[in-house]
């Protein structure tokens, strides 16, 4: 089953150092370009909304109409630098919500949750932390505010060098976390292909070490078929790479896949992945080709996070 998560957020300067403040939400309505594809394959994406999107009529009215038409699910996407109360120093460390003091992380998420409920008409129960930045208090806060599912985890990835969380020991398949009540984690689908794909820390080092990246070593290893780290996203990833990753994960008995992108990529010039109309056509084509491959070639189907949770609840009950 394939879950589609869309980071539905304001446009910002991707090249900026430090917090990336919102500069507009016009790209949100460009989601129509992807919705046409999703309709053909029965995909109901989950839009995780940031504060600028959920508080600006130009954006949230469009999302509300989609939700009222029953073609999507709604979640929350906490970007601390744009979400009240704006009381913390604007540092790179504080751009990860899980690094904030518990009460401030809670207040920001409470404010975002209430804004989404007021303007979109649904209380979000799916959460994705900005910059994947969950922290030690996040599970407690999510449970308190009525969230049921988190989609923040990037499995097998250590972000501590960038002041973020360490997901090195997190697996790619869904799992329960937290208590009272337990929440379901649906991680981003990411993994390795090639002859060295199953070498654990060796594969990670060869593909993620910054010095090796500067020497273009990961690209050389990928072309030689030795090892390649691939994320299930149309952003900067070719259809052939998406296909290789999916086949590799299937061979490991992986059955739940999470596909994601940022909403500003649907308007040229907002992200590094789509700079022109030609890039956009290729971007949309990758989405369509992957959905066609997933549904027709391997016999998969689209699902929402809540469908996955319903299955997980049934397995737990047994």
C-alpha atoms as a PDB file:
ATOM      1  CA  UNK A   1       0.000   0.000   0.000  1.00  0.00           C
ATOM      2  CA  UNK A   2       1.151   3.504  -0.825  1.00  0.00           C
ATOM      3  CA  UNK A   3       0.616   6.529   1.421  1.00  0.00           C
ATOM      4  CA  UNK A   4       1.137   9.957  -0.169  1.00  0.00           C
ATOM      5  CA  UNK A   5       2.182  12.800   2.159  1.00  0.00           C
ATOM      6  CA  UNK A   6       2.346  16.369   0.830  1.00  0.00           C
ATOM      7  CA  UNK A   7       4.258  18.918   2.918  1.00  0.00           C
ATOM      8  CA  UNK A   8       1.766  21.715   2.251  1.00  0.00           C
ATOM      9  CA  UNK A   9       3.712  24.783   3.138  1.00  0.00           C
ATOM     10  CA  UNK A  10       4.514  28.342   2.220  1.00  0.00           C
ATOM     11  CA  UNK A  11       7.107  29.247  -0.346  1.00  0.00           C
ATOM     12  CA  UNK A  12      10.446  30.256   1.178  1.00  0.00           C
ATOM     13  CA  UNK A  13      14.043  30.793   0.188  1.00  0.00           C
ATOM     14  CA  UNK A  14      15.581  27.315   0.079  1.00  0.00           C
ATOM     15  CA  UNK A  15      19.061  28.803  -0.249  1.00  0.00           C
ATOM     16  CA  UNK A  16      18.775  30.860   2.940  1.00  0.00           C
ATOM     17  CA  UNK A  17      20.840  29.928   5.961  1.00  0.00           C
ATOM     18  CA  UNK A  18      18.958  29.644   9.217  1.00  0.00           C
ATOM     19  CA  UNK A  19      15.149  29.749   9.521  1.00  0.00           C
ATOM     20  CA  UNK A  20      13.317  29.950   6.206  1.00  0.00           C
ATOM     21  CA  UNK A  21      10.555  32.526   6.681  1.00  0.00           C
ATOM     22  CA  UNK A  22       7.413  32.266   4.573  1.00  0.00           C
ATOM     23  CA  UNK A  23       7.162  34.528   1.529  1.00  0.00           C
ATOM     24  CA  UNK A  24       3.818  33.381   0.076  1.00  0.00           C
ATOM     25  CA  UNK A  25       1.306  30.564  -0.392  1.00  0.00           C
ATOM     26  CA  UNK A  26       0.345  30.935  -4.054  1.00  0.00           C
ATOM     27  CA  UNK A  27       1.768  27.522  -4.979  1.00  0.00           C
ATOM     28  CA  UNK A  28      -0.824  25.670  -2.865  1.00  0.00           C
ATOM     29  CA  UNK A  29      -3.497  25.964  -5.571  1.00  0.00           C
ATOM     30  CA  UNK A  30      -1.083  24.429  -8.067  1.00  0.00           C
ATOM     31  CA  UNK A  31      -1.850  21.119  -6.327  1.00  0.00           C
ATOM     32  CA  UNK A  32      -4.581  20.786  -8.980  1.00  0.00           C
ATOM     33  CA  UNK A  33      -1.838  19.615 -11.343  1.00  0.00           C
ATOM     34  CA  UNK A  34      -1.130  16.611  -9.142  1.00  0.00           C
ATOM     35  CA  UNK A  35      -4.744  16.004  -8.099  1.00  0.00           C
ATOM     36  CA  UNK A  36      -5.646  15.125 -11.672  1.00  0.00           C
ATOM     37  CA  UNK A  37      -3.046  12.367 -11.579  1.00  0.00           C
ATOM     38  CA  UNK A  38      -4.088  11.192  -8.120  1.00  0.00           C
ATOM     39  CA  UNK A  39      -7.716  10.875  -9.243  1.00  0.00           C
ATOM     40  CA  UNK A  40      -6.698   8.417 -11.962  1.00  0.00           C
ATOM     41  CA  UNK A  41      -5.046   6.095  -9.438  1.00  0.00           C
ATOM     42  CA  UNK A  42      -7.386   6.442  -6.472  1.00  0.00           C
ATOM     43  CA  UNK A  43      -4.883   8.388  -4.365  1.00  0.00           C
ATOM     44  CA  UNK A  44      -6.185  10.449  -1.440  1.00  0.00           C
ATOM     45  CA  UNK A  45      -3.090  12.385  -0.354  1.00  0.00           C
ATOM     46  CA  UNK A  46      -2.588  13.641   3.170  1.00  0.00           C
ATOM     47  CA  UNK A  47      -1.874  17.368   3.204  1.00  0.00           C
ATOM     48  CA  UNK A  48       0.152  18.244   6.296  1.00  0.00           C
ATOM     49  CA  UNK A  49      -0.407  21.994   6.670  1.00  0.00           C
ATOM     50  CA  UNK A  50       1.971  24.591   8.072  1.00  0.00           C
ATOM     51  CA  UNK A  51       0.796  27.763   9.807  1.00  0.00           C
ATOM     52  CA  UNK A  52       1.011  30.177   6.828  1.00  0.00           C
ATOM     53  CA  UNK A  53      -1.093  27.799   4.715  1.00  0.00           C
ATOM     54  CA  UNK A  54      -3.645  27.083   7.438  1.00  0.00           C
ATOM     55  CA  UNK A  55      -4.047  30.764   8.354  1.00  0.00           C
ATOM     56  CA  UNK A  56      -4.193  32.336   4.865  1.00  0.00           C
ATOM     57  CA  UNK A  57      -7.602  32.202   3.095  1.00  0.00           C
ATOM     58  CA  UNK A  58      -6.018  31.978  -0.353  1.00  0.00           C
ATOM     59  CA  UNK A  59      -4.512  28.636   0.694  1.00  0.00           C
ATOM     60  CA  UNK A  60      -6.787  27.110   3.310  1.00  0.00           C
ATOM     61  CA  UNK A  61     -10.008  27.701   1.358  1.00  0.00           C
ATOM     62  CA  UNK A  62      -8.605  25.621  -1.493  1.00  0.00           C
ATOM     63  CA  UNK A  63      -7.521  22.846   0.892  1.00  0.00           C
ATOM     64  CA  UNK A  64     -10.891  22.972   2.653  1.00  0.00           C
ATOM     65  CA  UNK A  65     -12.695  22.513  -0.665  1.00  0.00           C
ATOM     66  CA  UNK A  66     -10.563  19.460  -1.442  1.00  0.00           C
ATOM     67  CA  UNK A  67     -11.275  17.969   1.964  1.00  0.00           C
ATOM     68  CA  UNK A  68     -15.004  18.671   1.657  1.00  0.00           C
ATOM     69  CA  UNK A  69     -14.884  16.796  -1.667  1.00  0.00           C
ATOM     70  CA  UNK A  70     -13.407  13.782   0.183  1.00  0.00           C
ATOM     71  CA  UNK A  71     -10.286  13.609  -2.004  1.00  0.00           C
ATOM     72  CA  UNK A  72      -7.680  14.136   0.732  1.00  0.00           C
ATOM     73  CA  UNK A  73      -6.822  13.840   4.406  1.00  0.00           C
ATOM     74  CA  UNK A  74      -5.511  16.652   6.599  1.00  0.00           C
ATOM     75  CA  UNK A  75      -2.553  16.746   8.979  1.00  0.00           C
ATOM     76  CA  UNK A  76      -0.326  19.307  10.705  1.00  0.00           C
ATOM     77  CA  UNK A  77       3.210  20.343   9.785  1.00  0.00           C
ATOM     78  CA  UNK A  78       4.868  22.399  12.512  1.00  0.00           C
ATOM     79  CA  UNK A  79       7.465  24.853  11.191  1.00  0.00           C
ATOM     80  CA  UNK A  80       8.473  26.653  14.435  1.00  0.00           C
ATOM     81  CA  UNK A  81       9.837  29.789  12.769  1.00  0.00           C
ATOM     82  CA  UNK A  82       6.424  30.661  11.291  1.00  0.00           C
ATOM     83  CA  UNK A  83       4.117  29.409  14.058  1.00  0.00           C
ATOM     84  CA  UNK A  84       3.030  31.521  17.058  1.00  0.00           C
ATOM     85  CA  UNK A  85       4.019  32.122  19.720  1.00  0.00           C
ATOM     86  CA  UNK A  86       7.222  33.495  18.167  1.00  0.00           C
ATOM     87  CA  UNK A  87       9.222  33.909  21.360  1.00  0.00           C
ATOM     88  CA  UNK A  88      12.294  31.735  20.803  1.00  0.00           C
ATOM     89  CA  UNK A  89      15.583  32.946  19.260  1.00  0.00           C
ATOM     90  CA  UNK A  90      15.578  32.292  15.508  1.00  0.00           C
ATOM     91  CA  UNK A  91      18.453  29.815  15.396  1.00  0.00           C
ATOM     92  CA  UNK A  92      19.054  26.718  13.294  1.00  0.00           C
ATOM     93  CA  UNK A  93      18.727  24.567  16.412  1.00  0.00           C
ATOM     94  CA  UNK A  94      15.305  26.026  17.169  1.00  0.00           C
ATOM     95  CA  UNK A  95      14.093  25.307  13.641  1.00  0.00           C
ATOM     96  CA  UNK A  96      13.547  21.713  14.805  1.00  0.00           C
ATOM     97  CA  UNK A  97      10.358  21.788  16.936  1.00  0.00           C
ATOM     98  CA  UNK A  98      11.566  18.901  19.087  1.00  0.00           C
ATOM     99  CA  UNK A  99      14.515  21.005  20.266  1.00  0.00           C
ATOM    100  CA  UNK A 100      12.216  23.606  21.824  1.00  0.00           C
ATOM    101  CA  UNK A 101      11.236  23.535  25.506  1.00  0.00           C
ATOM    102  CA  UNK A 102       8.286  21.204  26.037  1.00  0.00           C
ATOM    103  CA  UNK A 103       5.787  23.970  26.804  1.00  0.00           C
ATOM    104  CA  UNK A 104       6.777  26.007  23.767  1.00  0.00           C
ATOM    105  CA  UNK A 105       6.627  23.017  21.413  1.00  0.00           C
ATOM    106  CA  UNK A 106       3.207  22.232  22.862  1.00  0.00           C
ATOM    107  CA  UNK A 107       1.935  25.812  22.546  1.00  0.00           C
ATOM    108  CA  UNK A 108       3.013  26.056  18.928  1.00  0.00           C
ATOM    109  CA  UNK A 109       1.398  22.753  17.998  1.00  0.00           C
ATOM    110  CA  UNK A 110      -1.743  23.648  19.945  1.00  0.00           C
ATOM    111  CA  UNK A 111      -1.966  26.939  18.042  1.00  0.00           C
ATOM    112  CA  UNK A 112      -1.406  25.238  14.677  1.00  0.00           C
ATOM    113  CA  UNK A 113      -3.911  22.491  15.482  1.00  0.00           C
ATOM    114  CA  UNK A 114      -6.582  25.000  16.464  1.00  0.00           C
ATOM    115  CA  UNK A 115      -5.963  27.107  13.373  1.00  0.00           C
ATOM    116  CA  UNK A 116      -6.367  24.100  11.074  1.00  0.00           C
ATOM    117  CA  UNK A 117      -9.534  23.014  12.881  1.00  0.00           C
ATOM    118  CA  UNK A 118     -11.034  26.512  12.685  1.00  0.00           C
ATOM    119  CA  UNK A 119     -10.193  27.265   9.048  1.00  0.00           C
ATOM    120  CA  UNK A 120     -10.261  23.857   7.368  1.00  0.00           C
ATOM    121  CA  UNK A 121     -12.996  22.318   9.495  1.00  0.00           C
ATOM    122  CA  UNK A 122     -11.186  19.196  10.636  1.00  0.00           C
ATOM    123  CA  UNK A 123      -9.001  18.534  13.664  1.00  0.00           C
ATOM    124  CA  UNK A 124      -5.757  17.039  12.368  1.00  0.00           C
ATOM    125  CA  UNK A 125      -4.701  13.635  13.680  1.00  0.00           C
ATOM    126  CA  UNK A 126      -1.602  13.142  11.468  1.00  0.00           C
ATOM    127  CA  UNK A 127       1.592  15.006  12.307  1.00  0.00           C
ATOM    128  CA  UNK A 128       4.829  15.746  10.497  1.00  0.00           C
ATOM    129  CA  UNK A 129       7.459  17.798  12.266  1.00  0.00           C
ATOM    130  CA  UNK A 130       9.148  20.550  10.301  1.00  0.00           C
ATOM    131  CA  UNK A 131      12.622  19.423   9.220  1.00  0.00           C
ATOM    132  CA  UNK A 132      11.650  15.973  10.611  1.00  0.00           C
ATOM    133  CA  UNK A 133      12.357  17.531  14.001  1.00  0.00           C
ATOM    134  CA  UNK A 134      10.693  15.330  16.579  1.00  0.00           C
ATOM    135  CA  UNK A 135      12.124  15.432  20.082  1.00  0.00           C
ATOM    136  CA  UNK A 136      11.897  13.753  23.493  1.00  0.00           C
ATOM    137  CA  UNK A 137       8.564  15.427  24.353  1.00  0.00           C
ATOM    138  CA  UNK A 138       6.866  15.093  20.960  1.00  0.00           C
ATOM    139  CA  UNK A 139       5.069  11.779  21.588  1.00  0.00           C
ATOM    140  CA  UNK A 140       3.588  13.065  24.846  1.00  0.00           C
ATOM    141  CA  UNK A 141       2.382  16.282  23.205  1.00  0.00           C
ATOM    142  CA  UNK A 142       0.879  14.462  20.215  1.00  0.00           C
ATOM    143  CA  UNK A 143      -1.055  12.070  22.441  1.00  0.00           C
ATOM    144  CA  UNK A 144      -2.303  14.937  24.611  1.00  0.00           C
ATOM    145  CA  UNK A 145      -3.604  16.862  21.578  1.00  0.00           C
ATOM    146  CA  UNK A 146      -5.377  13.882  20.051  1.00  0.00           C
ATOM    147  CA  UNK A 147      -2.948  12.963  17.286  1.00  0.00           C
ATOM    148  CA  UNK A 148      -2.838   9.317  16.266  1.00  0.00           C
ATOM    149  CA  UNK A 149      -0.172   9.063  13.555  1.00  0.00           C
ATOM    150  CA  UNK A 150       3.272  10.563  12.997  1.00  0.00           C
ATOM    151  CA  UNK A 151       5.051  10.649   9.620  1.00  0.00           C
ATOM    152  CA  UNK A 152       8.229  12.508  10.641  1.00  0.00           C
ATOM    153  CA  UNK A 153      10.804   9.736  10.791  1.00  0.00           C
ATOM    154  CA  UNK A 154      13.550   9.384   8.160  1.00  0.00           C
ATOM    155  CA  UNK A 155      14.710   5.808   8.896  1.00  0.00           C
ATOM    156  CA  UNK A 156      18.372   4.997   9.188  1.00  0.00           C
ATOM    157  CA  UNK A 157      19.348   8.668   9.178  1.00  0.00           C
ATOM    158  CA  UNK A 158      21.358  10.698  11.677  1.00  0.00           C
ATOM    159  CA  UNK A 159      20.630  14.445  11.558  1.00  0.00           C
ATOM    160  CA  UNK A 160      22.579  15.352  14.695  1.00  0.00           C
ATOM    161  CA  UNK A 161      25.358  16.953  12.649  1.00  0.00           C
ATOM    162  CA  UNK A 162      22.712  19.487  11.579  1.00  0.00           C
ATOM    163  CA  UNK A 163      21.356  19.763  15.144  1.00  0.00           C
ATOM    164  CA  UNK A 164      18.397  17.512  14.319  1.00  0.00           C
ATOM    165  CA  UNK A 165      17.249  14.101  15.616  1.00  0.00           C
ATOM    166  CA  UNK A 166      18.967  10.755  15.203  1.00  0.00           C
ATOM    167  CA  UNK A 167      16.860   8.144  13.379  1.00  0.00           C
ATOM    168  CA  UNK A 168      19.740   5.700  12.869  1.00  0.00           C
ATOM    169  CA  UNK A 169      17.969   2.860  14.662  1.00  0.00           C
ATOM    170  CA  UNK A 170      14.490   3.515  13.243  1.00  0.00           C
ATOM    171  CA  UNK A 171      13.221   1.018  10.705  1.00  0.00           C
ATOM    172  CA  UNK A 172      11.401   1.726   7.435  1.00  0.00           C
ATOM    173  CA  UNK A 173       8.229  -0.209   8.260  1.00  0.00           C
ATOM    174  CA  UNK A 174       5.446   1.224  10.463  1.00  0.00           C
ATOM    175  CA  UNK A 175       5.672   0.746  14.224  1.00  0.00           C
ATOM    176  CA  UNK A 176       4.032   1.868  17.456  1.00  0.00           C
ATOM    177  CA  UNK A 177       5.692   4.399  19.747  1.00  0.00           C
ATOM    178  CA  UNK A 178       4.824   6.278  22.910  1.00  0.00           C
ATOM    179  CA  UNK A 179       2.237   5.219  25.486  1.00  0.00           C
ATOM    180  CA  UNK A 180      -1.192   6.233  26.764  1.00  0.00           C
ATOM    181  CA  UNK A 181      -2.161   5.981  23.983  1.00  0.00           C
ATOM    182  CA  UNK A 182       0.430   4.533  21.626  1.00  0.00           C
ATOM    183  CA  UNK A 183       0.829   6.327  18.311  1.00  0.00           C
ATOM    184  CA  UNK A 184       1.581   4.857  14.902  1.00  0.00           C
ATOM    185  CA  UNK A 185       4.735   5.869  13.057  1.00  0.00           C
ATOM    186  CA  UNK A 186       4.647   5.633   9.252  1.00  0.00           C
ATOM    187  CA  UNK A 187       8.237   6.441   8.266  1.00  0.00           C
ATOM    188  CA  UNK A 188       9.334   7.964   4.998  1.00  0.00           C
ATOM    189  CA  UNK A 189      10.332   5.177   2.602  1.00  0.00           C
ATOM    190  CA  UNK A 190      14.084   5.281   2.147  1.00  0.00           C
ATOM    191  CA  UNK A 191      16.606   2.559   1.524  1.00  0.00           C
ATOM    192  CA  UNK A 192      19.572   1.184  -0.392  1.00  0.00           C
ATOM    193  CA  UNK A 193      20.036  -0.649  -3.658  1.00  0.00           C
ATOM    194  CA  UNK A 194      23.143  -2.250  -5.164  1.00  0.00           C
ATOM    195  CA  UNK A 195      25.655  -4.933  -4.194  1.00  0.00           C
ATOM    196  CA  UNK A 196      26.489  -3.211  -0.889  1.00  0.00           C
ATOM    197  CA  UNK A 197      22.904  -2.403   0.034  1.00  0.00           C
ATOM    198  CA  UNK A 198      22.860  -4.709   3.058  1.00  0.00           C
ATOM    199  CA  UNK A 199      26.103  -3.547   4.665  1.00  0.00           C
ATOM    200  CA  UNK A 200      24.408  -1.308   7.245  1.00  0.00           C
ATOM    201  CA  UNK A 201      26.720   1.413   8.546  1.00  0.00           C
ATOM    202  CA  UNK A 202      29.059   0.933   5.584  1.00  0.00           C
ATOM    203  CA  UNK A 203      26.280   1.738   3.113  1.00  0.00           C
ATOM    204  CA  UNK A 204      25.258   4.754   5.185  1.00  0.00           C
ATOM    205  CA  UNK A 205      28.806   6.102   5.390  1.00  0.00           C
ATOM    206  CA  UNK A 206      29.481   5.608   1.688  1.00  0.00           C
ATOM    207  CA  UNK A 207      26.334   7.498   0.690  1.00  0.00           C
ATOM    208  CA  UNK A 208      25.955  10.130   3.426  1.00  0.00           C
ATOM    209  CA  UNK A 209      29.465  11.141   4.523  1.00  0.00           C
ATOM    210  CA  UNK A 210      29.893  14.835   3.695  1.00  0.00           C
ATOM    211  CA  UNK A 211      33.522  14.479   2.604  1.00  0.00           C
ATOM    212  CA  UNK A 212      32.663  11.637   0.256  1.00  0.00           C
ATOM    213  CA  UNK A 213      29.766  13.685  -1.124  1.00  0.00           C
ATOM    214  CA  UNK A 214      32.158  16.544  -1.881  1.00  0.00           C
ATOM    215  CA  UNK A 215      34.261  14.108  -3.903  1.00  0.00           C
ATOM    216  CA  UNK A 216      31.151  12.781  -5.715  1.00  0.00           C
ATOM    217  CA  UNK A 217      31.847   9.290  -4.391  1.00  0.00           C
ATOM    218  CA  UNK A 218      28.144   8.382  -3.859  1.00  0.00           C
ATOM    219  CA  UNK A 219      27.383   9.137  -7.510  1.00  0.00           C
ATOM    220  CA  UNK A 220      30.265   6.980  -8.698  1.00  0.00           C
ATOM    221  CA  UNK A 221      29.179   4.093  -6.461  1.00  0.00           C
ATOM    222  CA  UNK A 222      25.601   4.384  -7.744  1.00  0.00           C
ATOM    223  CA  UNK A 223      26.701   4.285 -11.393  1.00  0.00           C
ATOM    224  CA  UNK A 224      28.794   1.201 -10.672  1.00  0.00           C
ATOM    225  CA  UNK A 225      25.793  -0.518  -9.121  1.00  0.00           C
ATOM    226  CA  UNK A 226      27.546  -0.886  -5.773  1.00  0.00           C
ATOM    227  CA  UNK A 227      25.349   1.143  -3.433  1.00  0.00           C
ATOM    228  CA  UNK A 228      22.733   3.858  -3.797  1.00  0.00           C
ATOM    229  CA  UNK A 229      20.613   5.560  -1.147  1.00  0.00           C
ATOM    230  CA  UNK A 230      17.178   6.467  -2.506  1.00  0.00           C
ATOM    231  CA  UNK A 231      14.216   8.325  -1.015  1.00  0.00           C
ATOM    232  CA  UNK A 232      10.677   7.711  -2.266  1.00  0.00           C
ATOM    233  CA  UNK A 233      10.015  11.188  -3.640  1.00  0.00           C
ATOM    234  CA  UNK A 234       9.756  12.724  -7.115  1.00  0.00           C
ATOM    235  CA  UNK A 235      12.004  15.566  -5.939  1.00  0.00           C
ATOM    236  CA  UNK A 236      15.434  15.009  -7.444  1.00  0.00           C
ATOM    237  CA  UNK A 237      14.818  11.273  -7.865  1.00  0.00           C
ATOM    238  CA  UNK A 238      14.244   9.644 -11.263  1.00  0.00           C
ATOM    239  CA  UNK A 239      11.482   7.126 -11.984  1.00  0.00           C
ATOM    240  CA  UNK A 240      14.119   4.431 -12.506  1.00  0.00           C
ATOM    241  CA  UNK A 241      15.515   5.125  -9.022  1.00  0.00           C
ATOM    242  CA  UNK A 242      12.022   5.053  -7.481  1.00  0.00           C
ATOM    243  CA  UNK A 243      11.384   1.736  -9.176  1.00  0.00           C
ATOM    244  CA  UNK A 244      14.702   0.250  -7.976  1.00  0.00           C
ATOM    245  CA  UNK A 245      14.017   1.285  -4.394  1.00  0.00           C
ATOM    246  CA  UNK A 246      10.510  -0.148  -4.429  1.00  0.00           C
ATOM    247  CA  UNK A 247      11.645  -3.480  -5.850  1.00  0.00           C
ATOM    248  CA  UNK A 248      14.486  -3.664  -3.312  1.00  0.00           C
ATOM    249  CA  UNK A 249      12.129  -2.979  -0.395  1.00  0.00           C
ATOM    250  CA  UNK A 250       9.585  -5.486  -1.697  1.00  0.00           C
ATOM    251  CA  UNK A 251      12.288  -8.153  -1.721  1.00  0.00           C
ATOM    252  CA  UNK A 252      12.774  -7.418   1.976  1.00  0.00           C
ATOM    253  CA  UNK A 253       9.035  -7.977   2.531  1.00  0.00           C
ATOM    254  CA  UNK A 254       8.322  -4.282   2.910  1.00  0.00           C
ATOM    255  CA  UNK A 255       4.623  -3.668   2.254  1.00  0.00           C
ATOM    256  CA  UNK A 256       3.831  -0.093   3.354  1.00  0.00           C
ATOM    257  CA  UNK A 257       5.372   2.698   1.267  1.00  0.00           C
ATOM    258  CA  UNK A 258       5.387   6.426   1.998  1.00  0.00           C
ATOM    259  CA  UNK A 259       5.778   8.824  -0.950  1.00  0.00           C
ATOM    260  CA  UNK A 260       6.256  12.524  -0.272  1.00  0.00           C
ATOM    261  CA  UNK A 261       6.972  15.945  -1.790  1.00  0.00           C
ATOM    262  CA  UNK A 262       6.704  19.665  -0.944  1.00  0.00           C
ATOM    263  CA  UNK A 263       3.718  21.568  -2.331  1.00  0.00           C
ATOM    264  CA  UNK A 264       5.848  24.517  -3.585  1.00  0.00           C
ATOM    265  CA  UNK A 265       7.489  22.125  -6.074  1.00  0.00           C
ATOM    266  CA  UNK A 266       4.277  22.320  -8.126  1.00  0.00           C
ATOM    267  CA  UNK A 267       5.101  25.894  -9.155  1.00  0.00           C
ATOM    268  CA  UNK A 268       8.416  26.512 -10.958  1.00  0.00           C
ATOM    269  CA  UNK A 269      11.040  28.531  -9.121  1.00  0.00           C
ATOM    270  CA  UNK A 270      10.177  27.655  -5.532  1.00  0.00           C
ATOM    271  CA  UNK A 271      12.357  24.605  -4.873  1.00  0.00           C
ATOM    272  CA  UNK A 272      15.651  23.300  -6.277  1.00  0.00           C
ATOM    273  CA  UNK A 273      13.745  20.406  -7.842  1.00  0.00           C
ATOM    274  CA  UNK A 274      11.474  22.408 -10.167  1.00  0.00           C
ATOM    275  CA  UNK A 275      13.057  25.501 -11.687  1.00  0.00           C
ATOM    276  CA  UNK A 276      11.183  25.661 -15.013  1.00  0.00           C
ATOM    277  CA  UNK A 277       8.023  24.526 -16.780  1.00  0.00           C
ATOM    278  CA  UNK A 278      10.065  21.719 -18.318  1.00  0.00           C
ATOM    279  CA  UNK A 279      11.120  20.597 -14.836  1.00  0.00           C
ATOM    280  CA  UNK A 280       7.483  20.675 -13.746  1.00  0.00           C
ATOM    281  CA  UNK A 281       6.355  18.500 -16.644  1.00  0.00           C
ATOM    282  CA  UNK A 282       9.076  15.985 -15.790  1.00  0.00           C
ATOM    283  CA  UNK A 283       8.132  16.148 -12.090  1.00  0.00           C
ATOM    284  CA  UNK A 284       4.473  15.372 -12.803  1.00  0.00           C
ATOM    285  CA  UNK A 285       5.462  12.651 -15.248  1.00  0.00           C
ATOM    286  CA  UNK A 286       7.543  10.969 -12.531  1.00  0.00           C
ATOM    287  CA  UNK A 287       4.535  10.979 -10.199  1.00  0.00           C
ATOM    288  CA  UNK A 288       2.307   9.465 -12.883  1.00  0.00           C
ATOM    289  CA  UNK A 289       4.818   6.839 -13.968  1.00  0.00           C
ATOM    290  CA  UNK A 290       5.436   5.772 -10.393  1.00  0.00           C
ATOM    291  CA  UNK A 291       1.735   5.474  -9.549  1.00  0.00           C
ATOM    292  CA  UNK A 292       1.178   3.496 -12.727  1.00  0.00           C
ATOM    293  CA  UNK A 293       4.074   1.191 -11.871  1.00  0.00           C
ATOM    294  CA  UNK A 294       2.910   0.765  -8.272  1.00  0.00           C
ATOM    295  CA  UNK A 295      -0.698  -0.037  -9.123  1.00  0.00           C
ATOM    296  CA  UNK A 296      -0.365  -1.906 -12.412  1.00  0.00           C
ATOM    297  CA  UNK A 297       3.040  -3.595 -12.387  1.00  0.00           C
ATOM    298  CA  UNK A 298       3.354  -4.673  -8.756  1.00  0.00           C
ATOM    299  CA  UNK A 299      -0.357  -4.744  -7.940  1.00  0.00           C
ATOM    300  CA  UNK A 300      -0.252  -2.190  -5.117  1.00  0.00           C
ATOM    301  CA  UNK A 301      -2.903   0.331  -4.147  1.00  0.00           C
ATOM    302  CA  UNK A 302      -3.132   3.728  -2.544  1.00  0.00           C
ATOM    303  CA  UNK A 303      -4.102   4.017   1.130  1.00  0.00           C
ATOM    304  CA  UNK A 304      -4.481   6.748   3.725  1.00  0.00           C
ATOM    305  CA  UNK A 305      -2.579   6.799   7.028  1.00  0.00           C
ATOM    306  CA  UNK A 306      -5.860   5.972   8.770  1.00  0.00           C
ATOM    307  CA  UNK A 307      -6.310   2.834   6.678  1.00  0.00           C
ATOM    308  CA  UNK A 308      -2.820   1.736   7.686  1.00  0.00           C
ATOM    309  CA  UNK A 309      -3.632   2.425  11.331  1.00  0.00           C
ATOM    310  CA  UNK A 310      -6.856   0.430  11.095  1.00  0.00           C
ATOM    311  CA  UNK A 311      -4.888  -2.563   9.841  1.00  0.00           C
ATOM    312  CA  UNK A 312      -2.239  -2.087  12.544  1.00  0.00           C
ATOM    313  CA  UNK A 313      -4.968  -1.870  15.219  1.00  0.00           C
ATOM    314  CA  UNK A 314      -6.370  -5.183  13.956  1.00  0.00           C
ATOM    315  CA  UNK A 315      -2.969  -6.846  14.074  1.00  0.00           C
ATOM    316  CA  UNK A 316      -2.402  -5.576  17.617  1.00  0.00           C
ATOM    317  CA  UNK A 317      -5.790  -6.870  18.748  1.00  0.00           C
ATOM    318  CA  UNK A 318      -4.934 -10.324  17.447  1.00  0.00           C
END
